[in-house]
Amino acid sequence: MTFPDVLEKRPLGSTGLRVTHVGLGGAWLGRTPGGGFNDDIAIAAVHHALQQGINLIDTSPLYGESERRIGLALKAWFARGGRREDFVLTTKTGTRTRPKDYSGAGTRRSVEESLRLLNVDHIDVVLIHDPDELGPALAPGGALDELEKMKSEGLLRAIGLGVRQHDLHRRCIDTGRFQLSLTYRDFNLVHQTALEGVVAPAASRGMAVFNATVVIGGLLGGQDPLKVARRADSPGESKGVYTHSDFEIDRAHELWQFACQHGINLLALNLQYCLREKRVTSSLLGVASAAELDDDLAALRAPISEKVWEQLRSRFRL
């Protein structure tokens, strides 16, 4: 797959929407090297993604000020003549408060706050985010019922689930009431468990699938994974955001060595591997700045021969 393909659009399941093969992930928008955040950097990143032709933006109340920063970017985008139909916008509910809230009333409050922060009159997809179990969300009058009511009111167009546990995805897929599954950290060059656990059952129901955390906290971002892992444990880094198992670090390092031997950036190998799976609707690029987005797009432009893919599959049993 070469660079122009990533800007082609795939159907977002049965929604009638179409999204680019890569989307803008909002978790780190505006993050600065010193560990803080800058609104102007975030706004520039959103505008750059839209200008490059990426039409999918994903965020969540869980991501700190991400919704507000994206809202500032969209307000400026509209002022410049940009249109709401230029992009597909997804956010989440359930994780705005502590404890998490999957009640109907809490869901409505959260979505209404998202609409206000994002400066839009509707959200394309709202996902139930990171429930520990599904009882409250699927209970009568709970989050799912309320989201369907808000969908009938035109405040959102589709409903999804964003969580890591595959059994929760399959339960929601089986209801027939969800249009999107967002899985994370489990479809990349290190892990492929999402293929059987989420992608296949979702695809069998005509549902869309988003793939997030594709570089596993930087392990597959192109630098030596041993150095990335050490840096993640160094003073000043945010603890608990990304933890890496010994298996992940060792596997990533082997992949990095393979990439180096073939003169390829590991980031390119990983991103292009993810996009070769056609049942995954879009992979989300969690970038902090326009420059980081350009790095990802350059990685997606990089030529990789079919011979390399064959050797990769054989050596790592992909």
Protein backbone atom coordinates (compact mmCIF):
# COMPACT_ATOMS: atom_id res chain seq x y z
CA MET A 1 0.00 0.00 0.00
CA THR A 2 1.39 3.39 -0.95
CA PHE A 3 0.71 6.85 0.38
CA PRO A 4 -2.14 7.94 -1.90
CA ASP A 5 -4.21 4.95 -0.75
CA VAL A 6 -4.37 6.17 2.85
CA LEU A 7 -6.39 9.18 1.73
CA GLU A 8 -8.94 7.06 -0.07
CA LYS A 9 -12.07 6.46 1.93
CA ARG A 10 -13.57 3.27 3.28
CA PRO A 11 -17.24 2.88 4.26
CA LEU A 12 -17.83 3.44 7.97
CA GLY A 13 -19.82 0.25 8.31
CA SER A 14 -23.52 0.73 7.60
CA THR A 15 -23.59 4.44 8.54
CA GLY A 16 -23.36 5.83 5.01
CA LEU A 17 -20.24 7.75 6.06
CA ARG A 18 -16.82 7.22 4.53
CA VAL A 19 -13.50 7.83 6.29
CA THR A 20 -9.86 7.91 5.27
CA HIS A 21 -7.74 4.87 6.05
CA VAL A 22 -5.98 6.89 8.74
CA GLY A 23 -7.60 9.23 11.23
CA LEU A 24 -6.36 11.87 13.65
CA GLY A 25 -6.27 10.58 17.22
CA GLY A 26 -6.85 13.35 19.75
CA ALA A 27 -5.25 12.05 22.94
CA TRP A 28 -1.95 13.96 22.63
CA LEU A 29 -2.88 17.00 20.56
CA GLY A 30 -0.73 19.95 21.52
CA ARG A 31 1.63 18.07 23.82
CA THR A 32 4.97 19.84 24.15
CA PRO A 33 8.41 18.27 24.74
CA GLY A 34 8.42 19.53 28.31
CA GLY A 35 5.28 17.59 29.13
CA GLY A 36 2.78 20.43 28.91
CA PHE A 37 0.22 21.26 26.21
CA ASN A 38 -0.19 24.17 23.82
CA ASP A 39 -3.51 25.11 22.21
CA ASP A 40 -1.92 26.64 19.11
CA ILE A 41 0.08 23.48 18.37
CA ALA A 42 -3.07 21.40 18.72
CA ILE A 43 -5.09 23.70 16.44
CA ALA A 44 -2.36 23.63 13.80
CA ALA A 45 -2.26 19.82 13.92
CA VAL A 46 -6.02 19.53 13.36
CA HIS A 47 -5.95 22.00 10.48
CA HIS A 48 -2.95 20.26 8.92
CA ALA A 49 -4.71 16.89 9.04
CA LEU A 50 -7.80 18.31 7.34
CA GLN A 51 -5.69 20.12 4.75
CA GLN A 52 -3.83 16.90 3.98
CA GLY A 53 -7.13 15.18 3.25
CA ILE A 54 -7.58 13.19 6.47
CA ASN A 55 -11.28 13.40 7.25
CA LEU A 56 -11.53 11.49 10.55
CA ILE A 57 -10.98 13.08 13.97
CA ASP A 58 -11.31 11.03 17.16
CA THR A 59 -11.34 12.35 20.71
CA SER A 60 -12.74 11.69 24.18
CA PRO A 61 -13.47 13.51 27.45
CA LEU A 62 -10.88 11.18 28.94
CA TYR A 63 -8.18 12.96 26.93
CA GLY A 64 -8.03 16.05 29.12
CA GLU A 65 -8.50 19.22 27.07
CA SER A 66 -8.62 17.41 23.73
CA GLU A 67 -12.27 18.13 22.98
CA ARG A 68 -11.84 21.82 23.80
CA ARG A 69 -8.72 22.11 21.63
CA ILE A 70 -10.39 20.35 18.71
CA GLY A 71 -13.38 22.64 19.18
CA LEU A 72 -11.12 25.69 18.89
CA ALA A 73 -9.62 24.24 15.72
CA LEU A 74 -13.03 23.53 14.22
CA LYS A 75 -14.32 27.01 15.07
CA ALA A 76 -11.39 28.49 13.15
CA TRP A 77 -11.88 25.95 10.35
CA PHE A 78 -15.50 27.00 9.93
CA ALA A 79 -14.51 30.68 10.01
CA ARG A 80 -12.17 30.01 7.08
CA GLY A 81 -14.98 28.47 5.06
CA GLY A 82 -14.56 24.84 6.12
CA ARG A 83 -17.72 22.76 6.17
CA ARG A 84 -19.08 20.30 8.73
CA GLU A 85 -19.30 17.68 5.99
CA ASP A 86 -15.53 17.95 5.45
CA PHE A 87 -14.86 15.58 8.35
CA VAL A 88 -16.20 12.73 10.46
CA LEU A 89 -16.02 13.42 14.19
CA THR A 90 -16.07 10.78 16.92
CA THR A 91 -16.01 11.17 20.68
CA LYS A 92 -16.88 9.06 23.68
CA THR A 93 -19.03 8.90 26.79
CA GLY A 94 -18.75 7.29 30.20
CA THR A 95 -15.29 8.51 31.15
CA ARG A 96 -15.93 12.23 31.65
CA THR A 97 -16.35 11.75 35.39
CA ARG A 98 -14.93 9.63 38.17
CA PRO A 99 -16.47 7.23 38.88
CA LYS A 100 -17.38 6.41 35.30
CA ASP A 101 -21.00 7.09 34.44
CA TYR A 102 -22.97 4.95 31.98
CA SER A 103 -26.43 6.07 33.11
CA GLY A 104 -28.84 7.61 30.64
CA ALA A 105 -28.77 11.00 32.34
CA GLY A 106 -24.98 10.98 32.63
CA THR A 107 -24.66 10.00 28.97
CA ARG A 108 -26.84 12.89 27.82
CA ARG A 109 -24.92 15.37 29.95
CA SER A 110 -21.62 14.10 28.58
CA VAL A 111 -22.69 14.24 24.93
CA GLU A 112 -24.19 17.70 25.34
CA GLU A 113 -20.92 18.90 26.88
CA SER A 114 -19.01 17.35 23.96
CA LEU A 115 -21.21 19.19 21.48
CA ARG A 116 -20.52 22.47 23.29
CA LEU A 117 -16.76 21.94 23.53
CA LEU A 118 -16.42 20.71 19.95
CA ASN A 119 -18.44 23.61 18.49
CA VAL A 120 -20.67 21.34 16.39
CA ASP A 121 -24.39 20.62 16.27
CA HIS A 122 -23.97 16.88 15.89
CA ILE A 123 -21.33 14.19 16.42
CA ASP A 124 -20.95 11.46 13.83
CA VAL A 125 -20.15 8.62 16.24
CA VAL A 126 -20.36 8.50 20.03
CA LEU A 127 -18.66 5.50 21.61
CA ILE A 128 -19.30 4.01 25.02
CA HIS A 129 -15.81 4.27 26.45
CA ASP A 130 -13.85 1.83 28.61
CA PRO A 131 -16.60 0.19 30.68
CA ASP A 132 -15.33 -2.45 33.09
CA GLU A 133 -18.49 -4.41 32.39
CA LEU A 134 -21.52 -3.74 30.24
CA GLY A 135 -24.40 -4.04 32.72
CA PRO A 136 -24.97 -0.31 33.37
CA ALA A 137 -24.47 0.72 29.73
CA LEU A 138 -26.85 -1.89 28.30
CA ALA A 139 -29.43 -1.71 31.10
CA PRO A 140 -32.86 -0.25 30.29
CA GLY A 141 -32.52 3.52 30.42
CA GLY A 142 -28.72 3.28 30.36
CA ALA A 143 -26.12 4.70 28.00
CA LEU A 144 -27.10 2.69 24.92
CA ASP A 145 -30.81 3.53 25.20
CA GLU A 146 -29.97 7.22 25.66
CA LEU A 147 -27.56 7.26 22.73
CA GLU A 148 -30.23 5.73 20.51
CA LYS A 149 -32.66 8.42 21.67
CA MET A 150 -30.11 11.15 20.92
CA LYS A 151 -29.49 9.54 17.54
CA SER A 152 -33.21 9.84 16.75
CA GLU A 153 -32.94 13.54 17.72
CA GLY A 154 -30.14 14.10 15.20
CA LEU A 155 -27.44 14.78 17.80
CA LEU A 156 -25.37 11.82 16.64
CA ARG A 157 -25.35 9.50 13.65
CA ALA A 158 -23.92 6.25 14.96
CA ILE A 159 -22.98 4.39 18.14
CA GLY A 160 -19.81 2.51 18.97
CA LEU A 161 -17.83 0.83 21.71
CA GLY A 162 -14.26 1.72 22.60
CA VAL A 163 -12.68 -0.78 24.96
CA ARG A 164 -9.87 -3.31 25.04
CA GLN A 165 -11.69 -6.42 26.30
CA HIS A 166 -12.66 -8.50 23.30
CA ASP A 167 -15.52 -10.26 25.06
CA LEU A 168 -17.21 -6.88 25.62
CA HIS A 169 -16.82 -6.06 21.93
CA ARG A 170 -18.36 -9.36 20.90
CA ARG A 171 -21.30 -8.90 23.25
CA CYS A 172 -22.02 -5.47 21.79
CA ILE A 173 -21.54 -6.73 18.24
CA ASP A 174 -24.10 -9.46 18.92
CA THR A 175 -26.75 -6.93 19.99
CA GLY A 176 -26.93 -5.52 16.46
CA ARG A 177 -27.26 -2.03 17.96
CA PHE A 178 -23.68 -0.83 17.44
CA GLN A 179 -22.11 0.43 14.23
CA LEU A 180 -18.45 0.67 15.29
CA SER A 181 -15.89 -1.17 17.40
CA LEU A 182 -12.74 0.71 18.44
CA THR A 183 -10.00 -1.57 19.66
CA TYR A 184 -6.57 -0.50 20.82
CA ARG A 185 -3.05 -1.78 21.32
CA ASP A 186 -3.92 -5.20 19.94
CA PHE A 187 -3.47 -4.92 16.18
CA ASN A 188 0.07 -4.01 15.18
CA LEU A 189 3.32 -5.83 14.48
CA VAL A 190 3.60 -6.98 18.10
CA HIS A 191 -0.01 -8.02 18.74
CA GLN A 192 -2.64 -9.31 16.32
CA THR A 193 -5.23 -10.67 18.78
CA ALA A 194 -7.82 -8.14 17.61
CA LEU A 195 -8.12 -9.90 14.25
CA GLU A 196 -9.96 -12.86 15.73
CA GLY A 197 -11.31 -11.12 18.82
CA VAL A 198 -12.85 -8.01 17.24
CA VAL A 199 -12.17 -7.49 13.55
CA ALA A 200 -13.62 -10.75 12.23
CA PRO A 201 -16.87 -10.69 14.26
CA ALA A 202 -17.42 -6.99 13.55
CA ALA A 203 -16.81 -7.44 9.83
CA SER A 204 -19.25 -10.36 9.75
CA ARG A 205 -21.96 -7.93 10.93
CA GLY A 206 -20.99 -5.16 8.52
CA MET A 207 -19.61 -3.01 11.33
CA ALA A 208 -16.71 -0.59 11.14
CA VAL A 209 -13.50 -1.12 13.12
CA PHE A 210 -11.05 1.54 14.31
CA ASN A 211 -7.53 0.55 15.31
CA ALA A 212 -5.91 2.76 17.97
CA THR A 213 -2.60 2.93 19.89
CA VAL A 214 -0.93 1.44 16.84
CA VAL A 215 2.65 2.24 17.96
CA ILE A 216 2.17 0.93 21.55
CA GLY A 217 3.32 4.02 23.36
CA GLY A 218 6.20 4.65 20.96
CA LEU A 219 7.66 1.12 20.89
CA LEU A 220 6.88 0.84 17.18
CA GLY A 221 7.48 4.50 16.41
CA GLY A 222 10.83 4.03 14.66
CA GLN A 223 13.34 4.54 17.47
CA ASP A 224 15.14 1.71 19.25
CA PRO A 225 12.39 0.22 21.46
CA LEU A 226 14.91 -0.42 24.27
CA LYS A 227 15.56 3.33 24.46
CA VAL A 228 11.85 4.12 24.24
CA ALA A 229 11.08 1.79 27.12
CA ARG A 230 13.85 3.27 29.26
CA ARG A 231 12.64 6.80 28.53
CA ALA A 232 9.09 5.87 29.49
CA ASP A 233 10.37 4.89 32.94
CA SER A 234 12.50 8.00 33.41
CA PRO A 235 11.66 10.81 35.88
CA GLY A 236 9.27 13.41 34.50
CA GLU A 237 7.34 11.05 32.28
CA SER A 238 3.64 10.44 32.92
CA LYS A 239 3.45 7.19 34.84
CA GLY A 240 0.73 4.71 34.06
CA VAL A 241 -0.06 6.11 30.61
CA TYR A 242 1.86 3.40 28.82
CA THR A 243 3.40 0.38 30.43
CA HIS A 244 5.32 -2.14 28.37
CA SER A 245 5.67 -5.83 29.08
CA ASP A 246 9.00 -7.58 28.61
CA PHE A 247 7.47 -9.48 25.70
CA GLU A 248 6.42 -6.24 23.97
CA ILE A 249 9.84 -4.66 24.42
CA ASP A 250 11.73 -7.75 23.22
CA ARG A 251 9.42 -8.31 20.27
CA ALA A 252 9.54 -4.66 19.25
CA HIS A 253 13.34 -4.70 19.44
CA GLU A 254 13.49 -7.75 17.17
CA LEU A 255 11.19 -5.99 14.71
CA TRP A 256 13.33 -2.84 14.88
CA GLN A 257 16.44 -4.90 14.08
CA PHE A 258 14.63 -6.51 11.13
CA ALA A 259 13.59 -3.09 9.84
CA CYS A 260 17.13 -1.73 10.19
CA GLN A 261 18.56 -4.71 8.32
CA HIS A 262 16.27 -3.86 5.39
CA GLY A 263 16.87 -0.11 5.55
CA ILE A 264 13.27 0.57 6.58
CA ASN A 265 11.89 2.71 9.36
CA LEU A 266 9.99 0.54 11.85
CA LEU A 267 7.24 3.17 11.95
CA ALA A 268 6.71 2.70 8.21
CA LEU A 269 6.67 -1.08 8.54
CA ASN A 270 4.15 -0.99 11.37
CA LEU A 271 1.77 1.62 9.95
CA GLN A 272 1.72 0.03 6.53
CA TYR A 273 1.17 -3.40 8.08
CA CYS A 274 -1.90 -2.08 9.88
CA LEU A 275 -3.33 -0.50 6.75
CA ARG A 276 -2.92 -3.68 4.71
CA GLU A 277 -5.78 -5.22 6.73
CA LYS A 278 -8.82 -4.16 4.71
CA ARG A 279 -11.33 -5.16 7.38
CA VAL A 280 -9.96 -2.38 9.60
CA THR A 281 -11.77 0.77 8.54
CA SER A 282 -9.22 3.26 9.85
CA SER A 283 -6.11 3.37 12.03
CA LEU A 284 -5.88 6.37 14.36
CA LEU A 285 -2.62 8.35 14.41
CA GLY A 286 -2.14 9.79 17.88
CA VAL A 287 0.01 12.83 17.14
CA ALA A 288 0.88 15.92 19.15
CA SER A 289 1.71 18.27 16.28
CA ALA A 290 1.60 18.84 12.55
CA ALA A 291 5.26 17.79 12.37
CA GLU A 292 4.47 14.42 13.96
CA LEU A 293 1.65 13.93 11.49
CA ASP A 294 4.05 14.63 8.63
CA ASP A 295 6.41 11.99 10.04
CA ASP A 296 3.57 9.45 9.96
CA LEU A 297 2.55 10.41 6.43
CA ALA A 298 6.16 10.14 5.28
CA ALA A 299 6.31 6.66 6.81
CA LEU A 300 3.20 5.73 4.87
CA ARG A 301 4.85 6.99 1.66
CA ALA A 302 7.94 4.85 2.15
CA PRO A 303 8.30 2.06 -0.44
CA ILE A 304 8.41 -1.46 0.98
CA SER A 305 8.83 -4.37 -1.38
CA GLU A 306 6.60 -7.41 -1.35
CA LYS A 307 9.72 -9.49 -0.69
CA VAL A 308 10.17 -7.68 2.63
CA TRP A 309 6.55 -8.36 3.56
CA GLU A 310 7.04 -12.05 2.76
CA GLN A 311 10.18 -12.23 4.92
CA LEU A 312 8.42 -10.35 7.73
CA ARG A 313 5.44 -12.72 7.70
CA SER A 314 7.71 -15.76 7.66
CA ARG A 315 10.10 -14.62 10.39
CA PHE A 316 7.49 -13.29 12.80
CA ARG A 317 4.65 -15.66 11.87
CA LEU A 318 2.24 -12.85 11.08
